[in-house]
Amino acid sequence: MPRIPFQKSSYLSQYRGMRPNSYTAHMPFDPICCSAIFPGAEVPQENERLSKLLMDSHSQLTPSLGEQQAVATLVAKVVEYLESIALEKGHSQIGQIEEIRVVGSFKEGTMLAGHCLADVVVLLRDSPTFEMARNISLLLKQKFLDKEIEEPEEPLEIIHQPYGFDLEYLGVCIRVAFAVQNFSAISNTETGLHISPPDQHVAHAAIVHARWAEERAAHANVKALIRLLKDLRRRFVGFNHLTPWQVDLLAFHAVMHNPMNAPLPLSVAFRRVIQVLAAGLFLPGSTGIIDPCEPQNRRVHVSLNLIQQDELCCAAQTVCKILNLEKFSILFSNMHPARPITLAELVEAANALPGEKIALPEPICLESHSTAPDTTTKSVVVP
C-alpha cells in the first residue's frame, strides 16, 4: 500500500510551541479590595463633607412629588388604554398586542428632576410596521379624548418616531416603542415597512434591563449613585460617553461588589467609581464589567470606541485628583451648565481654589489590537 505524503498544515505551528496569542484581561487597581490583598491597607472611610455635598446634590436631582405623580398618572393611563385597545375586537390594522411593559428610569426609580419622561414597550405577535404604530397612536389619542372629561390646558400631541411614537401631555412625555414578541423573528423585517431590527433590539433589551434592575439594583444607595452618575454624564465631557446601562452596572458594582459583602456608603461608592474608571476599568485590556443580561461573557465597555474610552478615563482621572485634594465644591458648583463642561474648564476652576494645583492628564496611547476581540452581537443601548 503506497504511503500518503504528509501535508504541512497551517495549524501545525500551534502544536510545536508556537501557540497563537491569547487575550488576557487585567483587573484595574481597586482601593476597596486593597485590604484583602495588601497587608496593612485599610478600607477607605466615609468623608462627611463629601457625603453632605452628595446628599444635597441628590436631593436636587430627585424629582418632586408633583413630577413623580404626573408621570405615574400618565403612564397608568397609557397602559390602561393600550390594554383596552388590545382587548377590543375589530382592530385588524394594528395586529395583535401580546405584552405591554413599563421600562426605563421611571420603572427603575432613577428618574431625574426636570425629566418627566417614561418608556413603554409594546410587544406584538407579528413584526411591527410603521403603519401599525401609527394606527395604535391614533386609537390611543382617541381614547384620551373620549376619557378626559375636563378641557386640558394643552392639547395631547403624538410625535411619530423610528421606534414607535412619543405621547406628550401636560409636560410629560411617554415614549412608546414596538417590537415583535418572538426575539428570533426580529431579523424578518423589510426596510421602510417594519420598525428596524436595532430599534426592536433596544426595546427587548429595555425589558431585560428593567427586570434586572428590579431584582438586583433596588438598594437605595445604588439608585442614588445612578442619579449622581447620570448627572456627571450630563454635565461633564468624557462622562457623556457612558450609556444608561453602563451607569446602572457601574453603580451596582461600586455599591454591592466588595469584600465586606455589604452595601458601601454613598460617598465611598462614588469615590470608588471615579477611582476604578481612572485606573482604566473601561480601557482596552481591562476585565471591565461583564454584561449580566448577555448570554455570552461580553464586557459592556467594548461598545465604546478607543477615543471615547480615552476621554472617559481622562475625565475620571481629573475628577479623582479633585477628590483627593478635597476640592469637592467644584464638582457641584454648576448644576445646570449651558453646555457640557470641558476638562480644561474643570481644571481651571479647581486651580482657582487655594491649595495644590492639578494638570490635565496626558492622552493614553490606545492601540486597536490591544482590545479584546468581540465576536458577539452588537451591543444594545437603552435610550
Protein backbone atom coordinates (compact mmCIF):
# COMPACT_ATOMS: atom_id res chain seq x y z
CA MET A 1 0.00 0.00 0.00
CA PRO A 2 1.57 3.35 -1.02
CA ARG A 3 2.32 5.80 1.78
CA ILE A 4 0.40 9.05 1.77
CA PRO A 5 2.82 12.01 1.90
CA PHE A 6 2.44 14.20 4.99
CA GLN A 7 0.99 17.64 4.19
CA LYS A 8 2.03 20.56 6.34
CA SER A 9 -0.95 22.32 7.83
CA SER A 10 -1.35 25.95 8.69
CA TYR A 11 -2.38 24.80 12.18
CA LEU A 12 0.84 22.85 12.75
CA SER A 13 2.59 25.78 14.43
CA GLN A 14 0.34 25.67 17.47
CA TYR A 15 1.43 22.09 18.19
CA ARG A 16 5.14 23.00 18.06
CA GLY A 17 5.15 25.50 20.86
CA MET A 18 4.08 28.44 18.68
CA ARG A 19 0.66 28.94 20.19
CA PRO A 20 -1.45 31.86 18.96
CA ASN A 21 -1.57 34.90 21.20
CA SER A 22 -4.39 34.62 23.71
CA TYR A 23 -6.21 37.62 25.13
CA THR A 24 -5.67 38.15 28.86
CA ALA A 25 -7.79 40.70 30.68
CA HIS A 26 -6.41 42.52 33.72
CA MET A 27 -8.28 43.88 36.71
CA PRO A 28 -7.50 47.57 37.36
CA PHE A 29 -6.48 48.80 40.79
CA ASP A 30 -9.45 49.00 43.16
CA PRO A 31 -8.76 50.57 46.58
CA ILE A 32 -11.77 48.84 48.14
CA CYS A 33 -10.14 45.45 47.50
CA CYS A 34 -6.73 46.51 48.86
CA SER A 35 -7.42 45.37 52.41
CA ALA A 36 -7.88 41.81 51.16
CA ILE A 37 -4.64 41.85 49.14
CA PHE A 38 -2.10 44.23 50.71
CA PRO A 39 -1.24 43.78 54.41
CA GLY A 40 -1.89 46.90 56.46
CA ALA A 41 -4.19 48.51 53.92
CA GLU A 42 -7.44 49.87 55.30
CA VAL A 43 -10.85 50.21 53.72
CA PRO A 44 -11.47 53.86 52.68
CA GLN A 45 -13.62 55.69 55.20
CA GLU A 46 -16.61 57.91 54.54
CA ASN A 47 -15.88 61.63 54.11
CA GLU A 48 -18.52 63.68 55.92
CA ARG A 49 -18.12 66.81 53.79
CA LEU A 50 -18.32 64.84 50.54
CA SER A 51 -21.30 62.89 51.89
CA LYS A 52 -23.17 66.13 52.64
CA LEU A 53 -22.46 67.53 49.17
CA LEU A 54 -23.58 64.28 47.54
CA MET A 55 -26.79 64.15 49.55
CA ASP A 56 -27.56 67.81 48.78
CA SER A 57 -26.91 67.18 45.10
CA HIS A 58 -29.05 64.05 45.15
CA SER A 59 -31.95 65.94 46.73
CA GLN A 60 -31.78 68.43 43.85
CA LEU A 61 -31.69 65.60 41.30
CA THR A 62 -34.65 63.75 42.81
CA PRO A 63 -37.97 64.61 41.11
CA SER A 64 -40.56 66.38 43.21
CA LEU A 65 -43.68 64.56 44.33
CA GLY A 66 -45.64 66.53 41.76
CA GLU A 67 -43.37 65.42 38.91
CA GLN A 68 -43.45 61.79 40.02
CA GLN A 69 -47.23 61.86 40.38
CA ALA A 70 -47.70 63.47 36.95
CA VAL A 71 -45.56 60.83 35.23
CA ALA A 72 -47.12 57.95 37.17
CA THR A 73 -50.64 59.14 36.32
CA LEU A 74 -49.95 59.43 32.60
CA VAL A 75 -48.13 56.07 32.49
CA ALA A 76 -51.08 54.38 34.18
CA LYS A 77 -53.49 55.91 31.66
CA VAL A 78 -51.34 54.93 28.66
CA VAL A 79 -51.02 51.33 29.87
CA GLU A 80 -54.75 51.15 30.66
CA TYR A 81 -55.78 52.47 27.25
CA LEU A 82 -53.30 50.23 25.40
CA GLU A 83 -54.65 47.20 27.26
CA SER A 84 -58.18 48.29 26.33
CA ILE A 85 -57.15 48.54 22.67
CA ALA A 86 -55.56 45.08 22.86
CA LEU A 87 -58.81 43.54 24.17
CA GLU A 88 -61.11 45.23 21.68
CA LYS A 89 -62.04 43.36 18.53
CA GLY A 90 -62.19 44.75 15.04
CA HIS A 91 -58.76 46.41 15.01
CA SER A 92 -57.09 44.21 12.40
CA GLN A 93 -54.97 47.13 11.22
CA ILE A 94 -52.93 47.16 14.46
CA GLY A 95 -52.06 43.48 14.70
CA GLN A 96 -52.21 41.51 17.95
CA ILE A 97 -50.80 43.18 21.08
CA GLU A 98 -49.25 40.50 23.31
CA GLU A 99 -47.50 42.41 26.11
CA ILE A 100 -47.19 45.95 27.45
CA ARG A 101 -44.19 46.70 29.69
CA VAL A 102 -43.08 49.83 31.52
CA VAL A 103 -39.28 50.18 31.36
CA GLY A 104 -36.52 52.76 31.73
CA SER A 105 -35.53 55.10 34.54
CA PHE A 106 -39.12 55.70 35.69
CA LYS A 107 -39.61 51.97 36.21
CA GLU A 108 -36.24 51.67 37.98
CA GLY A 109 -36.89 54.67 40.23
CA THR A 110 -33.89 56.66 38.98
CA MET A 111 -35.68 59.44 37.08
CA LEU A 112 -34.01 62.87 37.28
CA ALA A 113 -35.74 66.08 38.30
CA GLY A 114 -36.97 68.05 35.32
CA HIS A 115 -37.02 64.98 33.07
CA CYS A 116 -40.68 63.98 33.11
CA LEU A 117 -40.17 61.04 30.80
CA ALA A 118 -41.20 57.39 30.87
CA ASP A 119 -40.77 54.46 28.49
CA VAL A 120 -43.28 51.79 27.48
CA VAL A 121 -42.58 48.77 25.26
CA VAL A 122 -45.40 47.12 23.29
CA LEU A 123 -44.73 43.58 22.03
CA LEU A 124 -46.75 42.42 19.03
CA ARG A 125 -47.35 38.94 17.68
CA ASP A 126 -46.18 39.95 14.19
CA SER A 127 -43.31 42.19 13.13
CA PRO A 128 -44.41 45.77 13.85
CA THR A 129 -44.80 48.10 10.90
CA PHE A 130 -44.80 51.88 10.91
CA GLU A 131 -48.45 51.77 9.88
CA MET A 132 -49.32 49.60 12.90
CA ALA A 133 -47.57 52.04 15.24
CA ARG A 134 -49.37 54.97 13.60
CA ASN A 135 -52.77 53.29 13.90
CA ILE A 136 -52.20 52.42 17.56
CA SER A 137 -51.18 56.01 18.29
CA LEU A 138 -54.40 57.30 16.70
CA LEU A 139 -56.53 54.87 18.72
CA LEU A 140 -54.67 55.83 21.88
CA LYS A 141 -55.24 59.53 21.22
CA GLN A 142 -58.93 58.89 20.63
CA LYS A 143 -59.14 57.02 23.96
CA PHE A 144 -57.69 60.06 25.72
CA LEU A 145 -60.16 62.40 24.04
CA ASP A 146 -63.07 60.15 25.00
CA LYS A 147 -61.99 59.61 28.62
CA GLU A 148 -60.78 63.08 29.56
CA ILE A 149 -63.81 64.99 30.84
CA GLU A 150 -62.19 68.33 31.62
CA GLU A 151 -60.77 70.52 28.89
CA PRO A 152 -56.96 70.10 29.04
CA GLU A 153 -54.68 73.09 29.47
CA GLU A 154 -52.65 71.97 26.46
CA PRO A 155 -53.59 69.51 23.69
CA LEU A 156 -52.29 65.97 23.62
CA GLU A 157 -49.60 65.58 20.96
CA ILE A 158 -48.41 62.46 19.14
CA ILE A 159 -44.92 62.57 17.59
CA HIS A 160 -44.03 59.63 15.34
CA GLN A 161 -40.55 58.18 15.87
CA PRO A 162 -38.45 55.41 14.22
CA TYR A 163 -39.11 53.17 17.25
CA GLY A 164 -42.84 53.99 17.53
CA PHE A 165 -44.18 57.28 18.83
CA ASP A 166 -43.98 59.81 21.66
CA LEU A 167 -47.06 60.95 23.55
CA GLU A 168 -46.72 64.40 25.10
CA TYR A 169 -49.36 65.67 27.51
CA LEU A 170 -49.27 68.29 30.28
CA GLY A 171 -45.47 68.48 30.32
CA VAL A 172 -44.94 64.70 30.45
CA CYS A 173 -43.60 62.56 27.60
CA ILE A 174 -44.25 58.83 27.22
CA ARG A 175 -42.07 57.06 24.67
CA VAL A 176 -43.82 54.01 23.21
CA ALA A 177 -41.53 51.53 21.42
CA PHE A 178 -42.64 48.48 19.44
CA ALA A 179 -41.08 45.06 18.84
CA VAL A 180 -42.13 41.58 17.82
CA GLN A 181 -42.60 39.27 20.81
CA ASN A 182 -40.56 36.42 19.29
CA PHE A 183 -36.96 37.64 19.60
CA SER A 184 -35.71 35.33 16.85
CA ALA A 185 -38.16 36.90 14.37
CA ILE A 186 -36.68 40.40 14.65
CA SER A 187 -34.48 39.89 11.59
CA ASN A 188 -37.53 39.17 9.39
CA THR A 189 -38.13 42.81 8.51
CA GLU A 190 -38.38 44.88 5.36
CA THR A 191 -36.65 48.24 5.26
CA GLY A 192 -39.10 51.12 5.07
CA LEU A 193 -42.04 48.93 6.08
CA HIS A 194 -41.15 47.50 9.50
CA ILE A 195 -39.55 49.06 12.55
CA SER A 196 -35.82 48.38 12.19
CA PRO A 197 -34.15 45.42 13.96
CA PRO A 198 -31.83 47.70 16.01
CA ASP A 199 -34.82 49.59 17.42
CA GLN A 200 -36.56 46.31 18.24
CA HIS A 201 -33.39 45.01 19.93
CA VAL A 202 -33.35 48.16 22.05
CA ALA A 203 -36.95 47.54 23.11
CA HIS A 204 -36.26 43.92 24.12
CA ALA A 205 -33.09 44.94 25.97
CA ALA A 206 -35.04 47.59 27.88
CA ILE A 207 -37.38 44.90 29.21
CA VAL A 208 -34.48 42.70 30.32
CA HIS A 209 -32.61 45.61 31.91
CA ALA A 210 -35.71 46.77 33.81
CA ARG A 211 -36.22 43.25 35.18
CA TRP A 212 -32.56 43.02 36.24
CA ALA A 213 -32.69 46.42 37.97
CA GLU A 214 -35.86 45.49 39.82
CA GLU A 215 -34.31 42.26 41.11
CA ARG A 216 -30.70 43.32 41.75
CA ALA A 217 -30.35 47.11 41.92
CA ALA A 218 -33.16 48.06 44.29
CA HIS A 219 -30.88 49.29 47.12
CA ALA A 220 -31.29 53.00 47.93
CA ASN A 221 -27.54 53.70 47.63
CA VAL A 222 -27.46 52.11 44.16
CA LYS A 223 -30.34 54.29 42.97
CA ALA A 224 -28.79 57.41 44.49
CA LEU A 225 -25.43 56.68 42.83
CA ILE A 226 -27.16 56.11 39.49
CA ARG A 227 -28.70 59.59 39.71
CA LEU A 228 -25.34 61.15 40.61
CA LEU A 229 -23.55 59.39 37.74
CA LYS A 230 -26.29 60.42 35.31
CA ASP A 231 -25.70 63.99 36.46
CA LEU A 232 -21.94 63.67 35.81
CA ARG A 233 -22.76 62.22 32.41
CA ARG A 234 -24.97 65.22 31.66
CA ARG A 235 -22.57 67.94 32.89
CA PHE A 236 -19.01 66.84 32.07
CA VAL A 237 -17.27 65.99 28.81
CA GLY A 238 -15.91 62.44 28.92
CA PHE A 239 -18.60 61.04 31.17
CA ASN A 240 -21.15 61.76 28.44
CA HIS A 241 -19.91 58.66 26.59
CA LEU A 242 -21.43 56.39 29.24
CA THR A 243 -24.73 54.75 28.34
CA PRO A 244 -27.59 54.48 30.87
CA TRP A 245 -27.00 50.73 31.08
CA GLN A 246 -23.29 51.22 31.80
CA VAL A 247 -24.22 53.73 34.51
CA ASP A 248 -26.57 51.19 36.13
CA LEU A 249 -23.90 48.48 36.15
CA LEU A 250 -21.19 50.84 37.44
CA ALA A 251 -23.39 51.95 40.34
CA PHE A 252 -24.32 48.38 41.24
CA HIS A 253 -20.67 47.28 41.05
CA ALA A 254 -19.45 50.17 43.21
CA VAL A 255 -22.04 49.72 45.96
CA MET A 256 -22.53 45.96 46.13
CA HIS A 257 -19.32 44.24 44.92
CA ASN A 258 -16.82 44.42 47.77
CA PRO A 259 -15.01 42.07 50.21
CA MET A 260 -17.29 43.14 53.09
CA ASN A 261 -20.38 41.73 51.33
CA ALA A 262 -22.36 44.78 52.46
CA PRO A 263 -23.53 47.90 50.61
CA LEU A 264 -20.97 50.70 50.73
CA PRO A 265 -21.87 54.22 51.90
CA LEU A 266 -22.73 56.64 49.11
CA SER A 267 -19.58 58.78 49.34
CA VAL A 268 -17.29 55.72 49.39
CA ALA A 269 -19.08 54.18 46.40
CA PHE A 270 -18.99 57.48 44.47
CA ARG A 271 -15.25 57.84 45.03
CA ARG A 272 -14.76 54.17 44.10
CA VAL A 273 -16.48 54.62 40.72
CA ILE A 274 -14.21 57.55 39.88
CA GLN A 275 -11.08 55.69 41.05
CA VAL A 276 -11.69 52.49 39.09
CA LEU A 277 -12.57 54.44 35.93
CA ALA A 278 -9.39 56.49 36.40
CA ALA A 279 -7.42 53.26 36.82
CA GLY A 280 -8.69 52.00 33.46
CA LEU A 281 -11.77 49.89 34.19
CA PHE A 282 -13.18 50.81 30.77
CA LEU A 283 -9.90 50.73 28.82
CA PRO A 284 -8.64 48.03 26.42
CA GLY A 285 -7.20 45.03 28.24
CA SER A 286 -9.36 45.56 31.34
CA THR A 287 -11.72 42.98 32.77
CA GLY A 288 -14.32 45.74 32.83
CA ILE A 289 -17.82 44.67 33.82
CA ILE A 290 -19.48 41.61 32.32
CA ASP A 291 -22.97 42.30 30.98
CA PRO A 292 -25.29 40.16 33.17
CA CYS A 293 -28.05 40.25 30.55
CA GLU A 294 -25.97 38.92 27.64
CA PRO A 295 -25.75 35.15 27.08
CA GLN A 296 -22.02 35.37 26.35
CA ASN A 297 -19.40 36.95 28.62
CA ARG A 298 -19.43 40.32 26.94
CA ARG A 299 -17.79 43.35 28.53
CA VAL A 300 -20.03 46.40 28.46
CA HIS A 301 -17.24 48.86 27.63
CA VAL A 302 -16.48 47.30 24.22
CA SER A 303 -19.34 49.39 22.80
CA LEU A 304 -17.16 52.48 23.39
CA ASN A 305 -14.58 53.26 20.72
CA LEU A 306 -10.96 53.91 21.70
CA ILE A 307 -11.29 57.70 21.71
CA GLN A 308 -14.36 57.53 23.97
CA GLN A 309 -12.55 55.16 26.36
CA ASP A 310 -9.58 57.54 26.50
CA GLU A 311 -11.73 60.64 27.12
CA LEU A 312 -13.71 58.84 29.84
CA CYS A 313 -10.51 57.75 31.60
CA CYS A 314 -9.02 61.27 31.39
CA ALA A 315 -12.20 62.78 32.82
CA ALA A 316 -12.20 60.27 35.69
CA GLN A 317 -8.51 60.96 36.42
CA THR A 318 -9.21 64.70 36.61
CA VAL A 319 -12.16 64.23 38.97
CA CYS A 320 -10.10 61.76 41.02
CA LYS A 321 -7.41 64.43 41.56
CA ILE A 322 -10.08 66.92 42.63
CA LEU A 323 -11.48 64.39 45.13
CA ASN A 324 -8.00 63.65 46.52
CA LEU A 325 -7.36 67.37 47.05
CA GLU A 326 -10.83 67.66 48.65
CA LYS A 327 -11.90 70.44 46.29
CA PHE A 328 -15.36 68.88 46.28
CA SER A 329 -17.32 72.09 45.75
CA ILE A 330 -16.01 72.41 42.16
CA LEU A 331 -17.93 69.29 41.14
CA PHE A 332 -21.26 70.62 42.43
CA SER A 333 -20.98 74.39 41.93
CA ASN A 334 -22.59 74.45 38.47
CA MET A 335 -25.50 72.01 38.41
CA HIS A 336 -27.13 73.40 35.25
CA PRO A 337 -24.43 74.38 32.73
CA ALA A 338 -25.50 75.73 29.34
CA ARG A 339 -23.22 73.15 27.71
CA PRO A 340 -21.09 70.24 28.96
CA ILE A 341 -18.08 71.36 30.99
CA THR A 342 -14.72 70.51 29.39
CA LEU A 343 -11.77 69.14 31.35
CA ALA A 344 -9.80 72.34 30.74
CA GLU A 345 -12.60 74.40 32.30
CA LEU A 346 -12.85 71.98 35.23
CA VAL A 347 -9.08 72.13 35.87
CA GLU A 348 -9.10 75.93 35.64
CA ALA A 349 -11.91 76.16 38.21
CA ALA A 350 -10.13 73.73 40.55
CA ASN A 351 -6.82 75.61 40.31
CA ALA A 352 -8.61 78.87 41.18
CA LEU A 353 -9.12 77.50 44.69
CA PRO A 354 -6.27 77.64 47.20
CA GLY A 355 -4.13 74.55 47.51
CA GLU A 356 -2.18 72.26 45.24
CA LYS A 357 -2.64 72.76 41.50
CA ILE A 358 -3.57 69.98 39.11
CA ALA A 359 -2.83 69.46 35.43
CA LEU A 360 -4.73 67.87 32.60
CA PRO A 361 -3.96 64.14 32.20
CA GLU A 362 -1.89 63.10 29.23
CA PRO A 363 -3.79 61.25 26.48
CA ILE A 364 -3.35 57.49 26.72
CA CYS A 365 -1.82 55.65 23.76
CA LEU A 366 -4.53 53.26 22.67
CA GLU A 367 -3.90 50.65 20.02
CA SER A 368 -6.75 48.81 18.39
CA HIS A 369 -5.08 45.39 18.60
CA SER A 370 -4.95 45.54 22.39
CA THR A 371 -8.74 45.47 22.69
CA ALA A 372 -10.38 42.10 23.21
CA PRO A 373 -11.91 40.77 20.02
CA ASP A 374 -15.68 40.97 20.21
CA THR A 375 -17.32 38.14 18.31
CA THR A 376 -20.72 38.61 19.91
CA THR A 377 -23.64 40.56 18.59
CA LYS A 378 -23.65 44.33 18.50
CA SER A 379 -24.29 45.92 21.87
CA VAL A 380 -27.76 47.20 22.64
CA VAL A 381 -28.07 50.64 24.20
CA VAL A 382 -31.27 51.60 26.10
CA PRO A 383 -32.37 55.08 25.49
